C-alpha cells in the first residue's frame, strides 16, 4: 500500500473516528432505550430487550472494528509518525 498525501490520510482518519463515534452512539441509544422502556406485558418486554441488546452489541462490534482498522492502518497512512498519539 502506498503512502497517502497528508490531506487524504487525515480525512480518512476523521471518517474512521466518525464511524467509531457512530457505533458508540448506537450502543448508548440502545442501552438507554433498554433501561427506560415501558412495556405492556412480559412477552413484549423480553422481545424488545432482546432486540435492543442485539443492536447494542452490534454497535460495540462496529465501533471496535472501526477502531482496530484506524489503529492498524495508521502506520501505512502516516509513516513518519511512530505512536506519538
Protein backbone atom coordinates (compact mmCIF):
# COMPACT_ATOMS: atom_id res chain seq x y z
CA UNK A 1 0.00 0.00 0.00
CA UNK A 2 1.39 3.37 -0.94
CA UNK A 3 1.57 6.34 1.36
CA UNK A 4 -1.32 8.76 1.11
CA UNK A 5 -0.97 12.51 0.87
CA UNK A 6 -1.45 14.15 4.26
CA UNK A 7 -4.86 15.67 3.47
CA UNK A 8 -6.31 12.33 2.32
CA UNK A 9 -4.80 10.50 5.28
CA UNK A 10 -6.31 12.99 7.71
CA UNK A 11 -9.73 12.82 6.04
CA UNK A 12 -9.71 9.01 6.20
CA UNK A 13 -8.73 9.10 9.85
CA UNK A 14 -11.58 11.53 10.55
CA UNK A 15 -14.00 9.23 8.71
CA UNK A 16 -12.87 6.25 10.77
CA UNK A 17 -13.17 8.22 14.01
CA UNK A 18 -16.67 9.33 12.99
CA UNK A 19 -17.56 5.67 12.47
CA UNK A 20 -16.27 4.86 15.95
CA UNK A 21 -18.46 7.60 17.40
CA UNK A 22 -21.43 6.36 15.38
CA UNK A 23 -21.03 2.84 16.78
CA UNK A 24 -20.78 4.16 20.33
CA UNK A 25 -23.82 6.39 19.78
CA UNK A 26 -25.87 3.41 18.57
CA UNK A 27 -24.73 1.48 21.65
CA UNK A 28 -25.66 4.32 24.01
CA UNK A 29 -29.10 4.81 22.45
CA UNK A 30 -29.89 1.09 22.55
CA UNK A 31 -28.87 0.85 26.21
CA UNK A 32 -30.89 3.97 27.05
CA UNK A 33 -33.98 2.56 25.35
CA UNK A 34 -33.41 -0.77 27.06
CA UNK A 35 -33.29 0.85 30.50
CA UNK A 36 -36.14 3.34 30.10
CA UNK A 37 -38.58 1.22 28.12
CA UNK A 38 -42.19 0.80 29.26
CA UNK A 39 -43.90 -2.41 28.22
CA UNK A 40 -47.47 -3.70 28.40
CA UNK A 41 -46.58 -7.30 29.24
CA UNK A 42 -43.63 -9.60 29.85
CA UNK A 43 -43.55 -11.09 26.34
CA UNK A 44 -43.28 -7.66 24.75
CA UNK A 45 -40.55 -6.71 27.22
CA UNK A 46 -38.39 -9.77 26.55
CA UNK A 47 -38.72 -9.45 22.77
CA UNK A 48 -37.91 -5.74 22.75
CA UNK A 49 -34.99 -6.02 25.18
CA UNK A 50 -33.51 -8.87 23.16
CA UNK A 51 -33.63 -6.68 20.05
CA UNK A 52 -32.06 -3.71 21.88
CA UNK A 53 -29.32 -5.98 23.24
CA UNK A 54 -28.50 -7.21 19.73
CA UNK A 55 -28.38 -3.64 18.44
CA UNK A 56 -26.14 -2.58 21.35
CA UNK A 57 -23.72 -5.45 20.77
CA UNK A 58 -23.70 -4.67 17.05
CA UNK A 59 -22.86 -1.03 17.78
CA UNK A 60 -19.99 -2.06 20.04
CA UNK A 61 -18.63 -4.51 17.48
CA UNK A 62 -18.86 -1.88 14.75
CA UNK A 63 -17.02 0.66 16.90
CA UNK A 64 -14.35 -1.89 17.82
CA UNK A 65 -13.82 -2.93 14.20
CA UNK A 66 -13.52 0.71 13.13
CA UNK A 67 -11.08 1.42 15.96
CA UNK A 68 -8.93 -1.59 15.10
CA UNK A 69 -8.83 -0.56 11.45
CA UNK A 70 -7.93 3.00 12.46
CA UNK A 71 -5.07 1.83 14.69
CA UNK A 72 -3.74 -0.79 12.29
CA UNK A 73 -3.80 1.50 9.26
CA UNK A 74 -2.07 4.46 10.92
CA UNK A 75 1.49 3.26 10.13
CA UNK A 76 0.51 2.89 6.48
CA UNK A 77 -1.04 6.33 6.17
CA UNK A 78 1.35 8.24 8.46
CA UNK A 79 4.73 6.50 8.11
CA UNK A 80 6.73 9.34 9.70
CA UNK A 81 4.82 9.20 13.00
CA UNK A 82 5.64 6.34 15.35
CA UNK A 83 2.98 6.00 18.09
CA UNK A 84 3.02 9.67 19.04
CA UNK A 85 -0.66 9.75 19.80
